[in-house]
Amino acid sequence: MKRDDAEAVIEILLAADGGCEYCVADLLVLFCERFPEFKELAEKAFRERFGDDLKEFIAKRENI
């Protein structure tokens, strides 16, 4: 996968379930596991869209 492809996939994932941050976070985690070379790109996109760090968001959610 090339960077342009990864950006397109991330854009699609950001729209999951109407942009639900919980859904998007789960999908981006899966994306990062499958394509670790684009992890920083996915984390940046989540931060820009939701104003929160992806890792911290997942950790907070798991502690609820």
PDB file of N, CA and C in Angstrom:
ATOM      1  N   MET A   1       0.853  -1.173   0.000  1.00  0.00           N
ATOM      2  CA  MET A   1       0.000   0.000   0.000  1.00  0.00           C
ATOM      3  C   MET A   1       0.897   1.234   0.000  1.00  0.00           C
ATOM      4  N   LYS A   2       0.504   2.201  -0.792  1.00  0.00           N
ATOM      5  CA  LYS A   2       1.230   3.461  -0.856  1.00  0.00           C
ATOM      6  C   LYS A   2       0.582   4.470   0.096  1.00  0.00           C
ATOM      7  N   ARG A   3       1.292   5.539   0.378  1.00  0.00           N
ATOM      8  CA  ARG A   3       0.797   6.561   1.306  1.00  0.00           C
ATOM      9  C   ARG A   3      -0.559   7.126   0.858  1.00  0.00           C
ATOM     10  N   ASP A   4      -0.695   7.393  -0.426  1.00  0.00           N
ATOM     11  CA  ASP A   4      -1.969   7.924  -0.931  1.00  0.00           C
ATOM     12  C   ASP A   4      -3.121   6.958  -0.666  1.00  0.00           C
ATOM     13  N   ASP A   5      -2.842   5.678  -0.841  1.00  0.00           N
ATOM     14  CA  ASP A   5      -3.859   4.658  -0.571  1.00  0.00           C
ATOM     15  C   ASP A   5      -4.217   4.639   0.916  1.00  0.00           C
ATOM     16  N   ALA A   6      -3.199   4.718   1.761  1.00  0.00           N
ATOM     17  CA  ALA A   6      -3.427   4.716   3.202  1.00  0.00           C
ATOM     18  C   ALA A   6      -4.251   5.928   3.626  1.00  0.00           C
ATOM     19  N   GLU A   7      -3.947   7.080   3.066  1.00  0.00           N
ATOM     20  CA  GLU A   7      -4.722   8.284   3.396  1.00  0.00           C
ATOM     21  C   GLU A   7      -6.178   8.125   2.989  1.00  0.00           C
ATOM     22  N   ALA A   8      -6.423   7.499   1.839  1.00  0.00           N
ATOM     23  CA  ALA A   8      -7.797   7.283   1.384  1.00  0.00           C
ATOM     24  C   ALA A   8      -8.537   6.318   2.309  1.00  0.00           C
ATOM     25  N   VAL A   9      -7.872   5.253   2.709  1.00  0.00           N
ATOM     26  CA  VAL A   9      -8.489   4.282   3.619  1.00  0.00           C
ATOM     27  C   VAL A   9      -8.780   4.937   4.970  1.00  0.00           C
ATOM     28  N   ILE A  10      -7.845   5.704   5.480  1.00  0.00           N
ATOM     29  CA  ILE A  10      -8.040   6.389   6.759  1.00  0.00           C
ATOM     30  C   ILE A  10      -9.215   7.360   6.673  1.00  0.00           C
ATOM     31  N   GLU A  11      -9.329   8.057   5.561  1.00  0.00           N
ATOM     32  CA  GLU A  11     -10.462   8.978   5.367  1.00  0.00           C
ATOM     33  C   GLU A  11     -11.795   8.222   5.426  1.00  0.00           C
ATOM     34  N   ILE A  12     -11.832   7.058   4.820  1.00  0.00           N
ATOM     35  CA  ILE A  12     -13.034   6.230   4.865  1.00  0.00           C
ATOM     36  C   ILE A  12     -13.310   5.776   6.295  1.00  0.00           C
ATOM     37  N   LEU A  13     -12.288   5.341   6.996  1.00  0.00           N
ATOM     38  CA  LEU A  13     -12.458   4.876   8.377  1.00  0.00           C
ATOM     39  C   LEU A  13     -12.944   5.993   9.294  1.00  0.00           C
ATOM     40  N   LEU A  14     -12.500   7.215   9.034  1.00  0.00           N
ATOM     41  CA  LEU A  14     -12.933   8.351   9.855  1.00  0.00           C
ATOM     42  C   LEU A  14     -14.429   8.630   9.712  1.00  0.00           C
ATOM     43  N   ALA A  15     -15.026   8.122   8.652  1.00  0.00           N
ATOM     44  CA  ALA A  15     -16.455   8.335   8.416  1.00  0.00           C
ATOM     45  C   ALA A  15     -17.318   7.181   8.937  1.00  0.00           C
ATOM     46  N   ALA A  16     -16.689   6.182   9.539  1.00  0.00           N
ATOM     47  CA  ALA A  16     -17.425   5.005  10.006  1.00  0.00           C
ATOM     48  C   ALA A  16     -18.543   5.389  10.960  1.00  0.00           C
ATOM     49  N   ASP A  17     -19.705   4.829  10.718  1.00  0.00           N
ATOM     50  CA  ASP A  17     -20.884   5.035  11.568  1.00  0.00           C
ATOM     51  C   ASP A  17     -21.132   6.521  11.837  1.00  0.00           C
ATOM     52  N   GLY A  18     -21.031   7.294  10.786  1.00  0.00           N
ATOM     53  CA  GLY A  18     -21.295   8.727  10.907  1.00  0.00           C
ATOM     54  C   GLY A  18     -20.208   9.490  11.639  1.00  0.00           C
ATOM     55  N   GLY A  19     -19.021   8.911  11.747  1.00  0.00           N
ATOM     56  CA  GLY A  19     -17.913   9.573  12.426  1.00  0.00           C
ATOM     57  C   GLY A  19     -17.868   9.292  13.919  1.00  0.00           C
ATOM     58  N   CYS A  20     -18.500   8.219  14.352  1.00  0.00           N
ATOM     59  CA  CYS A  20     -18.482   7.822  15.764  1.00  0.00           C
ATOM     60  C   CYS A  20     -17.044   7.565  16.199  1.00  0.00           C
ATOM     61  N   GLU A  21     -16.582   8.322  17.197  1.00  0.00           N
ATOM     62  CA  GLU A  21     -15.178   8.195  17.588  1.00  0.00           C
ATOM     63  C   GLU A  21     -14.845   6.816  18.132  1.00  0.00           C
ATOM     64  N   TYR A  22     -15.797   6.121  18.721  1.00  0.00           N
ATOM     65  CA  TYR A  22     -15.549   4.769  19.231  1.00  0.00           C
ATOM     66  C   TYR A  22     -15.352   3.796  18.070  1.00  0.00           C
ATOM     67  N   CYS A  23     -16.213   3.888  17.090  1.00  0.00           N
ATOM     68  CA  CYS A  23     -16.106   3.032  15.904  1.00  0.00           C
ATOM     69  C   CYS A  23     -14.820   3.330  15.137  1.00  0.00           C
ATOM     70  N   VAL A  24     -14.569   4.600  14.938  1.00  0.00           N
ATOM     71  CA  VAL A  24     -13.369   5.018  14.210  1.00  0.00           C
ATOM     72  C   VAL A  24     -12.122   4.540  14.938  1.00  0.00           C
ATOM     73  N   ALA A  25     -12.080   4.693  16.251  1.00  0.00           N
ATOM     74  CA  ALA A  25     -10.915   4.273  17.028  1.00  0.00           C
ATOM     75  C   ALA A  25     -10.659   2.778  16.856  1.00  0.00           C
ATOM     76  N   ASP A  26     -11.712   1.973  16.963  1.00  0.00           N
ATOM     77  CA  ASP A  26     -11.551   0.525  16.802  1.00  0.00           C
ATOM     78  C   ASP A  26     -11.010   0.177  15.421  1.00  0.00           C
ATOM     79  N   LEU A  27     -11.546   0.820  14.402  1.00  0.00           N
ATOM     80  CA  LEU A  27     -11.096   0.541  13.040  1.00  0.00           C
ATOM     81  C   LEU A  27      -9.674   1.022  12.803  1.00  0.00           C
ATOM     82  N   LEU A  28      -9.312   2.162  13.359  1.00  0.00           N
ATOM     83  CA  LEU A  28      -7.942   2.659  13.183  1.00  0.00           C
ATOM     84  C   LEU A  28      -6.937   1.779  13.913  1.00  0.00           C
ATOM     85  N   VAL A  29      -7.317   1.225  15.052  1.00  0.00           N
ATOM     86  CA  VAL A  29      -6.432   0.296  15.758  1.00  0.00           C
ATOM     87  C   VAL A  29      -6.166  -0.925  14.875  1.00  0.00           C
ATOM     88  N   LEU A  30      -7.221  -1.460  14.273  1.00  0.00           N
ATOM     89  CA  LEU A  30      -7.053  -2.594  13.360  1.00  0.00           C
ATOM     90  C   LEU A  30      -6.181  -2.214  12.165  1.00  0.00           C
ATOM     91  N   PHE A  31      -6.402  -1.028  11.639  1.00  0.00           N
ATOM     92  CA  PHE A  31      -5.599  -0.536  10.520  1.00  0.00           C
ATOM     93  C   PHE A  31      -4.122  -0.467  10.924  1.00  0.00           C
ATOM     94  N   CYS A  32      -3.851   0.068  12.103  1.00  0.00           N
ATOM     95  CA  CYS A  32      -2.471   0.216  12.578  1.00  0.00           C
ATOM     96  C   CYS A  32      -1.802  -1.145  12.792  1.00  0.00           C
ATOM     97  N   GLU A  33      -2.567  -2.121  13.246  1.00  0.00           N
ATOM     98  CA  GLU A  33      -2.016  -3.464  13.429  1.00  0.00           C
ATOM     99  C   GLU A  33      -1.654  -4.092  12.088  1.00  0.00           C
ATOM    100  N   ARG A  34      -2.492  -3.860  11.092  1.00  0.00           N
ATOM    101  CA  ARG A  34      -2.281  -4.463   9.775  1.00  0.00           C
ATOM    102  C   ARG A  34      -1.252  -3.702   8.945  1.00  0.00           C
ATOM    103  N   PHE A  35      -1.189  -2.390   9.135  1.00  0.00           N
ATOM    104  CA  PHE A  35      -0.272  -1.540   8.365  1.00  0.00           C
ATOM    105  C   PHE A  35       0.523  -0.634   9.308  1.00  0.00           C
ATOM    106  N   PRO A  36       1.429  -1.214  10.088  1.00  0.00           N
ATOM    107  CA  PRO A  36       2.173  -0.422  11.083  1.00  0.00           C
ATOM    108  C   PRO A  36       3.002   0.701  10.470  1.00  0.00           C
ATOM    109  N   GLU A  37       3.320   0.594   9.214  1.00  0.00           N
ATOM    110  CA  GLU A  37       4.107   1.653   8.568  1.00  0.00           C
ATOM    111  C   GLU A  37       3.310   2.945   8.421  1.00  0.00           C
ATOM    112  N   PHE A  38       1.985   2.860   8.579  1.00  0.00           N
ATOM    113  CA  PHE A  38       1.137   4.049   8.484  1.00  0.00           C
ATOM    114  C   PHE A  38       0.481   4.398   9.824  1.00  0.00           C
ATOM    115  N   LYS A  39       1.007   3.860  10.893  1.00  0.00           N
ATOM    116  CA  LYS A  39       0.444   4.090  12.226  1.00  0.00           C
ATOM    117  C   LYS A  39       0.437   5.579  12.590  1.00  0.00           C
ATOM    118  N   GLU A  40       1.545   6.251  12.354  1.00  0.00           N
ATOM    119  CA  GLU A  40       1.630   7.677  12.689  1.00  0.00           C
ATOM    120  C   GLU A  40       0.605   8.495  11.902  1.00  0.00           C
ATOM    121  N   LEU A  41       0.381   8.131  10.672  1.00  0.00           N
ATOM    122  CA  LEU A  41      -0.593   8.820   9.829  1.00  0.00           C
ATOM    123  C   LEU A  41      -2.007   8.641  10.395  1.00  0.00           C
ATOM    124  N   ALA A  42      -2.331   7.433  10.810  1.00  0.00           N
ATOM    125  CA  ALA A  42      -3.652   7.150  11.378  1.00  0.00           C
ATOM    126  C   ALA A  42      -3.835   7.873  12.711  1.00  0.00           C
ATOM    127  N   GLU A  43      -2.804   7.852  13.546  1.00  0.00           N
ATOM    128  CA  GLU A  43      -2.890   8.531  14.849  1.00  0.00           C
ATOM    129  C   GLU A  43      -3.050  10.037  14.668  1.00  0.00           C
ATOM    130  N   LYS A  44      -2.341  10.585  13.702  1.00  0.00           N
ATOM    131  CA  LYS A  44      -2.451  12.029  13.430  1.00  0.00           C
ATOM    132  C   LYS A  44      -3.862  12.374  12.959  1.00  0.00           C
ATOM    133  N   ALA A  45      -4.426  11.555  12.089  1.00  0.00           N
ATOM    134  CA  ALA A  45      -5.776  11.796  11.576  1.00  0.00           C
ATOM    135  C   ALA A  45      -6.798  11.755  12.708  1.00  0.00           C
ATOM    136  N   PHE A  46      -6.656  10.801  13.627  1.00  0.00           N
ATOM    137  CA  PHE A  46      -7.575  10.705  14.763  1.00  0.00           C
ATOM    138  C   PHE A  46      -7.454  11.947  15.648  1.00  0.00           C
ATOM    139  N   ARG A  47      -6.225  12.358  15.914  1.00  0.00           N
ATOM    140  CA  ARG A  47      -5.978  13.531  16.753  1.00  0.00           C
ATOM    141  C   ARG A  47      -6.576  14.785  16.130  1.00  0.00           C
ATOM    142  N   GLU A  48      -6.405  14.941  14.818  1.00  0.00           N
ATOM    143  CA  GLU A  48      -6.935  16.122  14.130  1.00  0.00           C
ATOM    144  C   GLU A  48      -8.464  16.121  14.106  1.00  0.00           C
ATOM    145  N   ARG A  49      -9.062  14.953  13.950  1.00  0.00           N
ATOM    146  CA  ARG A  49     -10.525  14.863  13.860  1.00  0.00           C
ATOM    147  C   ARG A  49     -11.199  14.985  15.219  1.00  0.00           C
ATOM    148  N   PHE A  50     -10.633  14.322  16.238  1.00  0.00           N
ATOM    149  CA  PHE A  50     -11.312  14.239  17.533  1.00  0.00           C
ATOM    150  C   PHE A  50     -10.614  14.983  18.663  1.00  0.00           C
ATOM    151  N   GLY A  51      -9.427  15.527  18.400  1.00  0.00           N
ATOM    152  CA  GLY A  51      -8.714  16.284  19.420  1.00  0.00           C
ATOM    153  C   GLY A  51      -8.212  15.433  20.570  1.00  0.00           C
ATOM    154  N   ASP A  52      -7.990  14.156  20.310  1.00  0.00           N
ATOM    155  CA  ASP A  52      -7.537  13.245  21.360  1.00  0.00           C
ATOM    156  C   ASP A  52      -6.520  12.285  20.758  1.00  0.00           C
ATOM    157  N   ASP A  53      -5.617  11.820  21.585  1.00  0.00           N
ATOM    158  CA  ASP A  53      -4.625  10.840  21.170  1.00  0.00           C
ATOM    159  C   ASP A  53      -5.305   9.474  21.076  1.00  0.00           C
ATOM    160  N   LEU A  54      -5.075   8.747  20.001  1.00  0.00           N
ATOM    161  CA  LEU A  54      -5.729   7.457  19.791  1.00  0.00           C
ATOM    162  C   LEU A  54      -5.421   6.477  20.914  1.00  0.00           C
ATOM    163  N   LYS A  55      -4.157   6.361  21.284  1.00  0.00           N
ATOM    164  CA  LYS A  55      -3.778   5.426  22.358  1.00  0.00           C
ATOM    165  C   LYS A  55      -4.439   5.811  23.677  1.00  0.00           C
ATOM    166  N   GLU A  56      -4.431   7.081  23.992  1.00  0.00           N
ATOM    167  CA  GLU A  56      -5.048   7.546  25.238  1.00  0.00           C
ATOM    168  C   GLU A  56      -6.562   7.336  25.212  1.00  0.00           C
ATOM    169  N   PHE A  57      -7.182   7.561  24.068  1.00  0.00           N
ATOM    170  CA  PHE A  57      -8.625   7.367  23.938  1.00  0.00           C
ATOM    171  C   PHE A  57      -8.987   5.903  24.192  1.00  0.00           C
ATOM    172  N   ILE A  58      -8.226   5.002  23.601  1.00  0.00           N
ATOM    173  CA  ILE A  58      -8.487   3.571  23.800  1.00  0.00           C
ATOM    174  C   ILE A  58      -8.269   3.198  25.266  1.00  0.00           C
ATOM    175  N   ALA A  59      -7.200   3.706  25.869  1.00  0.00           N
ATOM    176  CA  ALA A  59      -6.895   3.387  27.263  1.00  0.00           C
ATOM    177  C   ALA A  59      -7.993   3.910  28.193  1.00  0.00           C
ATOM    178  N   LYS A  60      -8.460   5.134  27.952  1.00  0.00           N
ATOM    179  CA  LYS A  60      -9.541   5.711  28.779  1.00  0.00           C
ATOM    180  C   LYS A  60     -10.810   4.887  28.641  1.00  0.00           C
ATOM    181  N   ARG A  61     -11.119   4.499  27.439  1.00  0.00           N
ATOM    182  CA  ARG A  61     -12.327   3.722  27.184  1.00  0.00           C
ATOM    183  C   ARG A  61     -12.274   2.363  27.874  1.00  0.00           C
ATOM    184  N   GLU A  62     -11.113   1.751  27.898  1.00  0.00           N
ATOM    185  CA  GLU A  62     -10.974   0.438  28.530  1.00  0.00           C
ATOM    186  C   GLU A  62     -11.041   0.522  30.040  1.00  0.00           C
ATOM    187  N   ASN A  63     -10.754   1.696  30.588  1.00  0.00           N
ATOM    188  CA  ASN A  63     -10.786   1.883  32.044  1.00  0.00           C
ATOM    189  C   ASN A  63     -12.151   2.289  32.574  1.00  0.00           C
ATOM    190  N   ILE A  64     -13.113   2.464  31.679  1.00  0.00           N
ATOM    191  CA  ILE A  64     -14.461   2.890  32.115  1.00  0.00           C
ATOM    192  C   ILE A  64     -15.183   1.728  32.742  1.00  0.00           C
TER     193      ILE A  64
END
